[in-house]
Amino acid sequence: MGVLKLNRTLKVAGISGVIAPIVAFTCILAAIASYTPFNWVNNALSDLGVQSGVTAPIFNSGLVISGLLFLVFTIGLFRSVGKSWLGKTGAIVLCLACISLVSIGIFNESFKPTHYLVSVAFFALMPISMLVLVTSFWFAGQRRLSLFTLAIAFAAATPWVLQLLIHYVSGVAVPEFVSGLAGAVWTEILSIKMLKEASRAKTS
């Protein structure tokens, strides 16, 4: 890929990655605000996707739009890892996670067992992709990014491990939100890194 084309790809991917978490969490919080019976302890976030009024459209469209933006981000990630097969594998796994996120918004809780399967796929594939990328970043000499990604992967997985072990909440809204927030922070940091790389390539 030429320098100019790579620069353009990184720029678009970086912008998409910055916007995606903002869209996702704005819509999630707006959906929660529109549905007063929502309870963090007893509900799942996906419960918002089957409510009447504006709640379901806000929630589901937020997941679909942000998932598509995340997907564009993964394209930039795939390009930025160069020839590293580990990096490309991690980006592909993350791409599958993004497709799963879009599917959560399309196949709400009314679609059983599809909704459950795509939800599990998203929350499992996201930390798995990061763990693969940890090794890629490390071998590429990006030690700080590797350690940061490892920390985020654990932050995304820990709420689910604890839920399985001690069942600390009745619903899964808390582990969903914490795990998703960890992924959002990681995406924002890498997106900013992509934009800086694109900027340096443009001025060099």
N, C-alpha and C. Protein backbone atom coordinates (compact mmCIF):
# COMPACT_ATOMS: atom_id res chain seq x y z
N MET A 1 0.85 -1.19 0.00
CA MET A 1 0.00 0.00 0.00
C MET A 1 0.88 1.24 0.00
N GLY A 2 0.56 2.25 -0.85
CA GLY A 2 1.33 3.47 -0.89
C GLY A 2 1.20 4.26 0.38
N VAL A 3 2.17 5.17 0.59
CA VAL A 3 2.19 5.98 1.81
C VAL A 3 0.94 6.85 1.92
N LEU A 4 0.56 7.47 0.81
CA LEU A 4 -0.61 8.35 0.84
C LEU A 4 -1.89 7.58 1.16
N LYS A 5 -2.03 6.38 0.56
CA LYS A 5 -3.22 5.58 0.80
C LYS A 5 -3.25 5.08 2.25
N LEU A 6 -2.08 4.67 2.78
CA LEU A 6 -2.00 4.23 4.17
C LEU A 6 -2.33 5.38 5.10
N ASN A 7 -1.81 6.57 4.78
CA ASN A 7 -2.07 7.75 5.58
C ASN A 7 -3.56 8.05 5.63
N ARG A 8 -4.24 7.95 4.49
CA ARG A 8 -5.67 8.20 4.40
C ARG A 8 -6.45 7.16 5.20
N THR A 9 -6.03 5.90 5.09
CA THR A 9 -6.70 4.81 5.82
C THR A 9 -6.59 5.02 7.32
N LEU A 10 -5.39 5.36 7.79
CA LEU A 10 -5.18 5.58 9.22
C LEU A 10 -5.99 6.77 9.73
N LYS A 11 -6.10 7.81 8.91
CA LYS A 11 -6.84 9.00 9.31
C LYS A 11 -8.33 8.68 9.46
N VAL A 12 -8.90 8.01 8.45
CA VAL A 12 -10.32 7.65 8.51
C VAL A 12 -10.58 6.69 9.66
N ALA A 13 -9.69 5.70 9.82
CA ALA A 13 -9.85 4.72 10.89
C ALA A 13 -9.72 5.39 12.25
N GLY A 14 -8.77 6.30 12.38
CA GLY A 14 -8.57 7.00 13.65
C GLY A 14 -9.77 7.85 14.03
N ILE A 15 -10.30 8.58 13.07
CA ILE A 15 -11.48 9.40 13.33
C ILE A 15 -12.67 8.53 13.72
N SER A 16 -12.83 7.42 13.01
CA SER A 16 -13.93 6.49 13.30
C SER A 16 -13.79 5.91 14.70
N GLY A 17 -12.54 5.58 15.07
CA GLY A 17 -12.29 5.02 16.39
C GLY A 17 -12.53 5.99 17.51
N VAL A 18 -12.28 7.26 17.26
CA VAL A 18 -12.55 8.29 18.28
C VAL A 18 -14.05 8.48 18.46
N ILE A 19 -14.78 8.47 17.36
CA ILE A 19 -16.22 8.74 17.40
C ILE A 19 -17.02 7.55 17.94
N ALA A 20 -16.60 6.34 17.59
CA ALA A 20 -17.38 5.13 17.91
C ALA A 20 -17.76 5.00 19.39
N PRO A 21 -16.81 5.10 20.34
CA PRO A 21 -17.19 4.96 21.75
C PRO A 21 -18.12 6.07 22.21
N ILE A 22 -17.95 7.27 21.65
CA ILE A 22 -18.81 8.40 22.03
C ILE A 22 -20.25 8.11 21.62
N VAL A 23 -20.42 7.60 20.39
CA VAL A 23 -21.75 7.24 19.90
C VAL A 23 -22.35 6.14 20.77
N ALA A 24 -21.56 5.10 21.03
CA ALA A 24 -22.05 3.94 21.78
C ALA A 24 -22.53 4.34 23.17
N PHE A 25 -21.69 5.02 23.92
CA PHE A 25 -22.05 5.32 25.31
C PHE A 25 -23.04 6.46 25.44
N THR A 26 -23.05 7.37 24.47
CA THR A 26 -24.09 8.40 24.48
C THR A 26 -25.46 7.76 24.30
N CYS A 27 -25.56 6.82 23.36
CA CYS A 27 -26.84 6.15 23.10
C CYS A 27 -27.24 5.23 24.26
N ILE A 28 -26.27 4.55 24.84
CA ILE A 28 -26.57 3.67 25.98
C ILE A 28 -27.10 4.49 27.15
N LEU A 29 -26.41 5.55 27.49
CA LEU A 29 -26.83 6.38 28.62
C LEU A 29 -28.14 7.10 28.34
N ALA A 30 -28.35 7.51 27.08
CA ALA A 30 -29.61 8.14 26.71
C ALA A 30 -30.76 7.15 26.82
N ALA A 31 -30.51 5.91 26.41
CA ALA A 31 -31.54 4.87 26.51
C ALA A 31 -31.88 4.58 27.97
N ILE A 32 -30.85 4.54 28.82
CA ILE A 32 -31.07 4.32 30.25
C ILE A 32 -31.89 5.46 30.85
N ALA A 33 -31.54 6.69 30.45
CA ALA A 33 -32.26 7.86 30.97
C ALA A 33 -33.72 7.86 30.53
N SER A 34 -34.00 7.28 29.37
CA SER A 34 -35.37 7.28 28.85
C SER A 34 -36.23 6.16 29.43
N TYR A 35 -35.58 5.24 30.16
CA TYR A 35 -36.30 4.09 30.72
C TYR A 35 -36.07 4.03 32.23
N THR A 36 -36.91 4.69 32.97
CA THR A 36 -36.72 4.82 34.42
C THR A 36 -36.72 3.50 35.20
N PRO A 37 -37.43 2.43 34.76
CA PRO A 37 -37.36 1.17 35.52
C PRO A 37 -36.01 0.46 35.45
N PHE A 38 -35.10 0.94 34.59
CA PHE A 38 -33.81 0.25 34.44
C PHE A 38 -33.07 0.21 35.77
N ASN A 39 -32.51 -0.96 36.08
CA ASN A 39 -31.78 -1.16 37.32
C ASN A 39 -30.43 -1.80 37.00
N TRP A 40 -29.35 -1.16 37.45
CA TRP A 40 -28.01 -1.64 37.14
C TRP A 40 -27.73 -3.03 37.70
N VAL A 41 -28.34 -3.35 38.82
CA VAL A 41 -28.08 -4.64 39.47
C VAL A 41 -28.88 -5.77 38.84
N ASN A 42 -30.10 -5.48 38.47
CA ASN A 42 -31.01 -6.55 38.03
C ASN A 42 -31.14 -6.70 36.51
N ASN A 43 -30.81 -5.66 35.76
CA ASN A 43 -31.02 -5.69 34.32
C ASN A 43 -29.75 -5.99 33.53
N ALA A 44 -29.94 -6.33 32.28
CA ALA A 44 -28.86 -6.36 31.29
C ALA A 44 -29.04 -5.12 30.42
N LEU A 45 -27.96 -4.62 29.87
CA LEU A 45 -28.09 -3.46 28.98
C LEU A 45 -29.00 -3.79 27.81
N SER A 46 -28.95 -5.02 27.36
CA SER A 46 -29.76 -5.44 26.21
C SER A 46 -31.25 -5.38 26.48
N ASP A 47 -31.64 -5.33 27.76
CA ASP A 47 -33.06 -5.18 28.09
C ASP A 47 -33.61 -3.88 27.52
N LEU A 48 -32.71 -2.91 27.33
CA LEU A 48 -33.13 -1.61 26.78
C LEU A 48 -33.54 -1.75 25.31
N GLY A 49 -33.03 -2.77 24.64
CA GLY A 49 -33.28 -2.94 23.21
C GLY A 49 -34.63 -3.48 22.85
N VAL A 50 -35.46 -3.78 23.85
CA VAL A 50 -36.79 -4.30 23.57
C VAL A 50 -37.89 -3.48 24.25
N GLN A 51 -37.53 -2.28 24.70
CA GLN A 51 -38.51 -1.43 25.37
C GLN A 51 -39.27 -0.56 24.37
N SER A 52 -40.45 -0.12 24.77
CA SER A 52 -41.28 0.72 23.90
C SER A 52 -40.78 2.16 23.90
N GLY A 53 -41.37 2.96 23.05
CA GLY A 53 -40.99 4.37 22.95
C GLY A 53 -39.66 4.55 22.25
N VAL A 54 -38.88 5.53 22.72
CA VAL A 54 -37.61 5.85 22.07
C VAL A 54 -36.45 5.00 22.57
N THR A 55 -36.67 4.29 23.67
CA THR A 55 -35.57 3.55 24.31
C THR A 55 -34.91 2.55 23.38
N ALA A 56 -35.70 1.64 22.82
CA ALA A 56 -35.13 0.60 21.95
C ALA A 56 -34.46 1.17 20.70
N PRO A 57 -35.09 2.11 19.98
CA PRO A 57 -34.42 2.66 18.79
C PRO A 57 -33.10 3.35 19.13
N ILE A 58 -33.06 4.08 20.24
CA ILE A 58 -31.81 4.76 20.63
C ILE A 58 -30.73 3.74 20.92
N PHE A 59 -31.07 2.74 21.72
CA PHE A 59 -30.09 1.74 22.13
C PHE A 59 -29.59 0.92 20.95
N ASN A 60 -30.52 0.36 20.19
CA ASN A 60 -30.14 -0.53 19.09
C ASN A 60 -29.39 0.20 17.98
N SER A 61 -29.85 1.39 17.62
CA SER A 61 -29.17 2.14 16.56
C SER A 61 -27.78 2.56 17.02
N GLY A 62 -27.63 2.86 18.31
CA GLY A 62 -26.32 3.22 18.84
C GLY A 62 -25.33 2.09 18.70
N LEU A 63 -25.78 0.86 18.96
CA LEU A 63 -24.90 -0.30 18.83
C LEU A 63 -24.53 -0.55 17.37
N VAL A 64 -25.50 -0.43 16.49
CA VAL A 64 -25.24 -0.68 15.07
C VAL A 64 -24.28 0.36 14.50
N ILE A 65 -24.55 1.63 14.76
CA ILE A 65 -23.71 2.70 14.21
C ILE A 65 -22.30 2.63 14.78
N SER A 66 -22.21 2.49 16.11
CA SER A 66 -20.88 2.44 16.73
C SER A 66 -20.14 1.18 16.28
N GLY A 67 -20.86 0.06 16.12
CA GLY A 67 -20.23 -1.17 15.66
C GLY A 67 -19.63 -1.01 14.27
N LEU A 68 -20.33 -0.32 13.40
CA LEU A 68 -19.81 -0.07 12.05
C LEU A 68 -18.59 0.85 12.09
N LEU A 69 -18.62 1.84 12.97
CA LEU A 69 -17.47 2.74 13.13
C LEU A 69 -16.27 1.98 13.70
N PHE A 70 -16.53 1.11 14.67
CA PHE A 70 -15.47 0.27 15.22
C PHE A 70 -14.87 -0.61 14.12
N LEU A 71 -15.72 -1.07 13.21
CA LEU A 71 -15.27 -1.92 12.12
C LEU A 71 -14.29 -1.17 11.21
N VAL A 72 -14.58 0.10 10.94
CA VAL A 72 -13.66 0.93 10.15
C VAL A 72 -12.33 1.09 10.90
N PHE A 73 -12.43 1.24 12.22
CA PHE A 73 -11.22 1.35 13.04
C PHE A 73 -10.35 0.10 12.90
N THR A 74 -10.97 -1.08 12.88
CA THR A 74 -10.20 -2.32 12.79
C THR A 74 -9.48 -2.43 11.44
N ILE A 75 -10.05 -1.83 10.40
CA ILE A 75 -9.38 -1.83 9.10
C ILE A 75 -8.06 -1.08 9.20
N GLY A 76 -8.11 0.07 9.87
CA GLY A 76 -6.88 0.84 10.09
C GLY A 76 -5.90 0.08 10.95
N LEU A 77 -6.40 -0.63 11.96
CA LEU A 77 -5.53 -1.42 12.82
C LEU A 77 -4.86 -2.53 12.01
N PHE A 78 -5.63 -3.17 11.14
CA PHE A 78 -5.10 -4.24 10.29
C PHE A 78 -3.97 -3.71 9.41
N ARG A 79 -4.16 -2.49 8.88
CA ARG A 79 -3.13 -1.90 8.02
C ARG A 79 -1.91 -1.46 8.83
N SER A 80 -2.13 -0.99 10.05
CA SER A 80 -1.05 -0.39 10.83
C SER A 80 -0.08 -1.41 11.42
N VAL A 81 -0.52 -2.69 11.53
CA VAL A 81 0.37 -3.69 12.12
C VAL A 81 1.37 -4.24 11.11
N GLY A 82 1.31 -3.77 9.88
CA GLY A 82 2.28 -4.19 8.87
C GLY A 82 2.14 -5.65 8.49
N LYS A 83 3.26 -6.35 8.44
CA LYS A 83 3.25 -7.73 7.99
C LYS A 83 3.13 -8.73 9.14
N SER A 84 2.97 -8.25 10.35
CA SER A 84 2.86 -9.12 11.52
C SER A 84 1.60 -9.99 11.43
N TRP A 85 1.79 -11.31 11.35
CA TRP A 85 0.62 -12.19 11.25
C TRP A 85 -0.15 -12.22 12.56
N LEU A 86 0.55 -12.03 13.69
CA LEU A 86 -0.13 -11.95 14.97
C LEU A 86 -1.01 -10.71 15.04
N GLY A 87 -0.46 -9.59 14.57
CA GLY A 87 -1.22 -8.34 14.56
C GLY A 87 -2.44 -8.43 13.67
N LYS A 88 -2.24 -9.02 12.51
CA LYS A 88 -3.37 -9.16 11.58
C LYS A 88 -4.42 -10.12 12.13
N THR A 89 -3.98 -11.17 12.81
CA THR A 89 -4.92 -12.10 13.43
C THR A 89 -5.73 -11.40 14.51
N GLY A 90 -5.04 -10.61 15.34
CA GLY A 90 -5.74 -9.86 16.38
C GLY A 90 -6.75 -8.89 15.81
N ALA A 91 -6.38 -8.23 14.71
CA ALA A 91 -7.30 -7.28 14.07
C ALA A 91 -8.51 -8.00 13.49
N ILE A 92 -8.30 -9.19 12.93
CA ILE A 92 -9.41 -9.97 12.36
C ILE A 92 -10.36 -10.42 13.47
N VAL A 93 -9.81 -10.87 14.60
CA VAL A 93 -10.65 -11.28 15.73
C VAL A 93 -11.45 -10.08 16.24
N LEU A 94 -10.80 -8.91 16.30
CA LEU A 94 -11.50 -7.70 16.73
C LEU A 94 -12.60 -7.33 15.73
N CYS A 95 -12.34 -7.56 14.45
CA CYS A 95 -13.34 -7.32 13.41
C CYS A 95 -14.57 -8.19 13.65
N LEU A 96 -14.36 -9.44 14.03
CA LEU A 96 -15.48 -10.34 14.34
C LEU A 96 -16.25 -9.84 15.56
N ALA A 97 -15.53 -9.27 16.53
CA ALA A 97 -16.19 -8.69 17.70
C ALA A 97 -17.08 -7.52 17.29
N CYS A 98 -16.59 -6.70 16.36
CA CYS A 98 -17.36 -5.55 15.88
C CYS A 98 -18.62 -6.00 15.14
N ILE A 99 -18.50 -7.05 14.35
CA ILE A 99 -19.66 -7.61 13.65
C ILE A 99 -20.67 -8.12 14.68
N SER A 100 -20.16 -8.72 15.74
CA SER A 100 -21.04 -9.20 16.81
C SER A 100 -21.76 -8.05 17.48
N LEU A 101 -21.06 -6.91 17.67
CA LEU A 101 -21.69 -5.74 18.29
C LEU A 101 -22.83 -5.22 17.42
N VAL A 102 -22.59 -5.14 16.11
CA VAL A 102 -23.64 -4.72 15.18
C VAL A 102 -24.83 -5.68 15.27
N SER A 103 -24.51 -6.95 15.37
CA SER A 103 -25.56 -7.98 15.43
C SER A 103 -26.39 -7.88 16.70
N ILE A 104 -25.76 -7.45 17.81
CA ILE A 104 -26.52 -7.27 19.05
C ILE A 104 -27.62 -6.23 18.85
N GLY A 105 -27.27 -5.16 18.10
CA GLY A 105 -28.25 -4.11 17.85
C GLY A 105 -29.34 -4.55 16.87
N ILE A 106 -28.99 -5.43 15.96
CA ILE A 106 -29.97 -5.89 14.97
C ILE A 106 -30.85 -6.99 15.56
N PHE A 107 -30.22 -7.93 16.22
CA PHE A 107 -30.94 -9.07 16.80
C PHE A 107 -31.11 -8.85 18.30
N ASN A 108 -32.15 -8.10 18.68
CA ASN A 108 -32.36 -7.81 20.09
C ASN A 108 -32.84 -9.06 20.84
N GLU A 109 -33.21 -8.88 22.10
CA GLU A 109 -33.56 -10.03 22.93
C GLU A 109 -34.76 -10.82 22.42
N SER A 110 -35.50 -10.25 21.49
CA SER A 110 -36.63 -10.98 20.90
C SER A 110 -36.17 -12.12 20.00
N PHE A 111 -34.91 -12.02 19.54
CA PHE A 111 -34.35 -13.04 18.64
C PHE A 111 -33.52 -14.03 19.46
N LYS A 112 -34.17 -15.10 19.89
CA LYS A 112 -33.47 -16.12 20.69
C LYS A 112 -33.23 -17.36 19.84
N PRO A 113 -32.04 -18.01 19.97
CA PRO A 113 -30.92 -17.67 20.86
C PRO A 113 -29.88 -16.78 20.20
N THR A 114 -30.21 -16.21 19.04
CA THR A 114 -29.23 -15.42 18.29
C THR A 114 -28.64 -14.29 19.12
N HIS A 115 -29.51 -13.56 19.83
CA HIS A 115 -29.03 -12.43 20.63
C HIS A 115 -28.01 -12.88 21.66
N TYR A 116 -28.31 -13.96 22.34
CA TYR A 116 -27.40 -14.46 23.37
C TYR A 116 -26.05 -14.83 22.75
N LEU A 117 -26.08 -15.51 21.62
CA LEU A 117 -24.85 -15.97 20.98
C LEU A 117 -23.97 -14.81 20.53
N VAL A 118 -24.56 -13.79 19.92
CA VAL A 118 -23.75 -12.66 19.44
C VAL A 118 -23.26 -11.80 20.61
N SER A 119 -24.03 -11.76 21.69
CA SER A 119 -23.59 -11.02 22.88
C SER A 119 -22.37 -11.69 23.50
N VAL A 120 -22.45 -13.01 23.66
CA VAL A 120 -21.32 -13.76 24.21
C VAL A 120 -20.11 -13.62 23.29
N ALA A 121 -20.35 -13.69 21.99
CA ALA A 121 -19.25 -13.56 21.02
C ALA A 121 -18.55 -12.22 21.17
N PHE A 122 -19.32 -11.14 21.30
CA PHE A 122 -18.71 -9.81 21.43
C PHE A 122 -17.84 -9.69 22.66
N PHE A 123 -18.39 -10.06 23.82
CA PHE A 123 -17.66 -9.87 25.07
C PHE A 123 -16.53 -10.87 25.25
N ALA A 124 -16.53 -11.96 24.48
CA ALA A 124 -15.41 -12.91 24.51
C ALA A 124 -14.33 -12.54 23.51
N LEU A 125 -14.74 -12.17 22.30
CA LEU A 125 -13.78 -11.88 21.24
C LEU A 125 -12.98 -10.61 21.48
N MET A 126 -13.61 -9.62 22.14
CA MET A 126 -12.91 -8.35 22.36
C MET A 126 -11.63 -8.55 23.18
N PRO A 127 -11.68 -9.13 24.40
CA PRO A 127 -10.43 -9.32 25.14
C PRO A 127 -9.48 -10.33 24.49
N ILE A 128 -10.03 -11.33 23.81
CA ILE A 128 -9.18 -12.30 23.11
C ILE A 128 -8.35 -11.60 22.03
N SER A 129 -8.99 -10.72 21.28
CA SER A 129 -8.26 -9.98 20.23
C SER A 129 -7.14 -9.15 20.82
N MET A 130 -7.41 -8.55 21.98
CA MET A 130 -6.39 -7.73 22.64
C MET A 130 -5.21 -8.57 23.12
N LEU A 131 -5.50 -9.76 23.64
CA LEU A 131 -4.43 -10.64 24.10
C LEU A 131 -3.53 -11.06 22.94
N VAL A 132 -4.12 -11.27 21.77
CA VAL A 132 -3.31 -11.59 20.58
C VAL A 132 -2.46 -10.39 20.19
N LEU A 133 -3.05 -9.20 20.25
CA LEU A 133 -2.33 -7.98 19.88
C LEU A 133 -1.22 -7.64 20.87
N VAL A 134 -1.38 -8.05 22.12
CA VAL A 134 -0.33 -7.84 23.13
C VAL A 134 1.00 -8.39 22.63
N THR A 135 0.97 -9.62 22.15
CA THR A 135 2.18 -10.27 21.65
C THR A 135 2.72 -9.56 20.41
N SER A 136 1.81 -9.17 19.53
CA SER A 136 2.22 -8.46 18.31
C SER A 136 2.92 -7.15 18.64
N PHE A 137 2.32 -6.37 19.52
CA PHE A 137 2.91 -5.08 19.92
C PHE A 137 4.27 -5.29 20.58
N TRP A 138 4.36 -6.33 21.41
CA TRP A 138 5.60 -6.59 22.14
C TRP A 138 6.75 -6.91 21.18
N PHE A 139 6.50 -7.80 20.22
CA PHE A 139 7.53 -8.18 19.27
C PHE A 139 7.88 -7.03 18.32
N ALA A 140 6.94 -6.09 18.17
CA ALA A 140 7.20 -4.92 17.31
C ALA A 140 7.97 -3.83 18.06
N GLY A 141 8.29 -4.10 19.33
CA GLY A 141 9.04 -3.13 20.13
C GLY A 141 8.18 -2.07 20.78
N GLN A 142 6.85 -2.23 20.67
CA GLN A 142 5.93 -1.28 21.29
C GLN A 142 5.54 -1.78 22.68
N ARG A 143 6.51 -1.77 23.59
CA ARG A 143 6.34 -2.39 24.89
C ARG A 143 5.27 -1.70 25.75
N ARG A 144 5.26 -0.39 25.75
CA ARG A 144 4.26 0.33 26.55
C ARG A 144 2.85 0.06 26.04
N LEU A 145 2.69 0.05 24.71
CA LEU A 145 1.38 -0.23 24.12
C LEU A 145 0.97 -1.67 24.41
N SER A 146 1.94 -2.58 24.41
CA SER A 146 1.66 -3.98 24.70
C SER A 146 1.15 -4.14 26.14
N LEU A 147 1.83 -3.51 27.09
CA LEU A 147 1.43 -3.62 28.50
C LEU A 147 0.09 -2.94 28.74
N PHE A 148 -0.12 -1.82 28.07
CA PHE A 148 -1.41 -1.12 28.19
C PHE A 148 -2.54 -2.00 27.66
N THR A 149 -2.31 -2.62 26.52
CA THR A 149 -3.32 -3.51 25.93
C THR A 149 -3.59 -4.70 26.84
N LEU A 150 -2.55 -5.23 27.46
CA LEU A 150 -2.72 -6.35 28.38
C LEU A 150 -3.57 -5.95 29.57
N ALA A 151 -3.31 -4.76 30.11
CA ALA A 151 -4.08 -4.26 31.25
C ALA A 151 -5.55 -4.08 30.87
N ILE A 152 -5.80 -3.55 29.68
CA ILE A 152 -7.17 -3.35 29.22
C ILE A 152 -7.88 -4.68 29.00
N ALA A 153 -7.15 -5.66 28.45
CA ALA A 153 -7.74 -6.99 28.23
C ALA A 153 -8.20 -7.60 29.55
N PHE A 154 -7.38 -7.46 30.58
CA PHE A 154 -7.76 -7.97 31.90
C PHE A 154 -8.93 -7.18 32.49
N ALA A 155 -8.91 -5.86 32.25
CA ALA A 155 -10.01 -5.02 32.74
C ALA A 155 -11.32 -5.39 32.07
N ALA A 156 -11.26 -5.78 30.80
CA ALA A 156 -12.46 -6.16 30.06
C ALA A 156 -12.96 -7.55 30.46
N ALA A 157 -12.03 -8.43 30.81
CA ALA A 157 -12.41 -9.81 31.14
C ALA A 157 -12.78 -10.02 32.60
N THR A 158 -12.15 -9.26 33.50
CA THR A 158 -12.33 -9.47 34.94
C THR A 158 -13.78 -9.39 35.41
N PRO A 159 -14.57 -8.38 34.97
CA PRO A 159 -15.97 -8.33 35.43
C PRO A 159 -16.76 -9.58 35.10
N TRP A 160 -16.44 -10.22 33.97
CA TRP A 160 -17.14 -11.44 33.57
C TRP A 160 -16.66 -12.65 34.36
N VAL A 161 -15.36 -12.71 34.62
CA VAL A 161 -14.82 -13.81 35.42
C VAL A 161 -15.41 -13.76 36.82
N LEU A 162 -15.46 -12.57 37.41
CA LEU A 162 -16.03 -12.42 38.75
C LEU A 162 -17.52 -12.76 38.77
N GLN A 163 -18.22 -12.37 37.70
CA GLN A 163 -19.65 -12.69 37.61
C GLN A 163 -19.87 -14.21 37.57
N LEU A 164 -19.01 -14.90 36.86
CA LEU A 164 -19.12 -16.35 36.77
C LEU A 164 -18.76 -17.02 38.10
N LEU A 165 -17.78 -16.44 38.82
CA LEU A 165 -17.30 -17.06 40.05
C LEU A 165 -18.17 -16.77 41.27
N ILE A 166 -18.53 -15.49 41.43
CA ILE A 166 -19.26 -15.11 42.66
C ILE A 166 -20.64 -14.51 42.38
N HIS A 167 -20.97 -14.30 41.12
CA HIS A 167 -22.30 -13.79 40.74
C HIS A 167 -22.66 -12.57 41.59
N TYR A 168 -21.87 -11.49 41.45
CA TYR A 168 -22.00 -10.33 42.32
C TYR A 168 -23.19 -9.42 41.98
N VAL A 169 -23.81 -9.62 40.82
CA VAL A 169 -25.05 -8.90 40.48
C VAL A 169 -26.03 -9.87 39.83
N SER A 170 -27.32 -9.58 39.97
CA SER A 170 -28.34 -10.45 39.39
C SER A 170 -28.37 -10.37 37.87
N GLY A 171 -28.27 -9.15 37.36
CA GLY A 171 -28.22 -8.95 35.92
C GLY A 171 -26.79 -8.84 35.45
N VAL A 172 -26.61 -8.45 34.19
CA VAL A 172 -25.24 -8.35 33.65
C VAL A 172 -24.91 -6.95 33.14
N ALA A 173 -25.73 -5.96 33.51
CA ALA A 173 -25.48 -4.60 33.03
C ALA A 173 -24.12 -4.08 33.49
N VAL A 174 -23.75 -4.38 34.73
CA VAL A 174 -22.48 -3.89 35.28
C VAL A 174 -21.28 -4.48 34.54
N PRO A 175 -21.17 -5.82 34.44
CA PRO A 175 -20.03 -6.34 33.68
C PRO A 175 -20.04 -5.92 32.21
N GLU A 176 -21.22 -5.79 31.63
CA GLU A 176 -21.31 -5.33 30.23
C GLU A 176 -20.75 -3.92 30.11
N PHE A 177 -21.16 -3.04 31.01
CA PHE A 177 -20.75 -1.63 30.93
C PHE A 177 -19.26 -1.48 31.21
N VAL A 178 -18.76 -2.15 32.25
CA VAL A 178 -17.35 -2.03 32.61
C VAL A 178 -16.46 -2.61 31.51
N SER A 179 -16.82 -3.77 31.00
CA SER A 179 -16.05 -4.40 29.93
C SER A 179 -16.07 -3.53 28.67
N GLY A 180 -17.25 -3.02 28.32
CA GLY A 180 -17.36 -2.15 27.15
C GLY A 180 -16.58 -0.86 27.31
N LEU A 181 -16.59 -0.32 28.53
CA LEU A 181 -15.85 0.93 28.80
C LEU A 181 -14.35 0.71 28.65
N ALA A 182 -13.87 -0.44 29.12
CA ALA A 182 -12.45 -0.76 28.97
C ALA A 182 -12.07 -0.80 27.48
N GLY A 183 -12.90 -1.46 26.68
CA GLY A 183 -12.65 -1.51 25.25
C GLY A 183 -12.70 -0.15 24.60
N ALA A 184 -13.59 0.71 25.10
CA ALA A 184 -13.72 2.06 24.55
C ALA A 184 -12.47 2.90 24.82
N VAL A 185 -11.93 2.78 26.03
CA VAL A 185 -10.70 3.52 26.39
C VAL A 185 -9.55 3.07 25.49
N TRP A 186 -9.43 1.77 25.31
CA TRP A 186 -8.36 1.23 24.46
C TRP A 186 -8.50 1.74 23.02
N THR A 187 -9.72 1.74 22.51
CA THR A 187 -9.97 2.20 21.14
C THR A 187 -9.62 3.67 20.99
N GLU A 188 -9.99 4.47 21.97
CA GLU A 188 -9.68 5.91 21.91
C GLU A 188 -8.17 6.14 21.85
N ILE A 189 -7.43 5.44 22.70
CA ILE A 189 -5.98 5.62 22.74
C ILE A 189 -5.33 5.20 21.42
N LEU A 190 -5.73 4.04 20.90
CA LEU A 190 -5.15 3.58 19.63
C LEU A 190 -5.58 4.47 18.46
N SER A 191 -6.78 5.01 18.52
CA SER A 191 -7.25 5.89 17.46
C SER A 191 -6.44 7.18 17.43
N ILE A 192 -6.17 7.72 18.59
CA ILE A 192 -5.34 8.93 18.67
C ILE A 192 -3.94 8.63 18.15
N LYS A 193 -3.43 7.44 18.47
CA LYS A 193 -2.12 7.02 17.97
C LYS A 193 -2.14 6.94 16.44
N MET A 194 -3.21 6.40 15.88
CA MET A 194 -3.33 6.31 14.42
C MET A 194 -3.32 7.70 13.78
N LEU A 195 -4.06 8.63 14.39
CA LEU A 195 -4.13 9.99 13.85
C LEU A 195 -2.77 10.67 13.91
N LYS A 196 -2.02 10.41 14.97
CA LYS A 196 -0.67 10.98 15.08
C LYS A 196 0.25 10.39 14.02
N GLU A 197 0.12 9.07 13.79
CA GLU A 197 0.93 8.42 12.75
C GLU A 197 0.59 8.98 11.37
N ALA A 198 -0.70 9.19 11.12
CA ALA A 198 -1.13 9.76 9.84
C ALA A 198 -0.59 11.18 9.67
N SER A 199 -0.58 11.93 10.76
CA SER A 199 -0.09 13.31 10.72
C SER A 199 1.41 13.35 10.45
N ARG A 200 2.15 12.44 11.10
CA ARG A 200 3.61 12.39 10.90
C ARG A 200 3.94 11.98 9.47
N ALA A 201 3.17 11.01 8.94
CA ALA A 201 3.41 10.55 7.56
C ALA A 201 3.15 11.67 6.57
N LYS A 202 2.19 12.53 6.90
CA LYS A 202 1.82 13.62 6.00
C LYS A 202 2.90 14.69 5.96
N THR A 203 3.54 14.93 7.12
CA THR A 203 4.52 16.01 7.19
C THR A 203 5.93 15.54 6.83
N SER A 204 6.14 14.20 6.78
CA SER A 204 7.48 13.68 6.48
C SER A 204 7.77 13.70 4.98
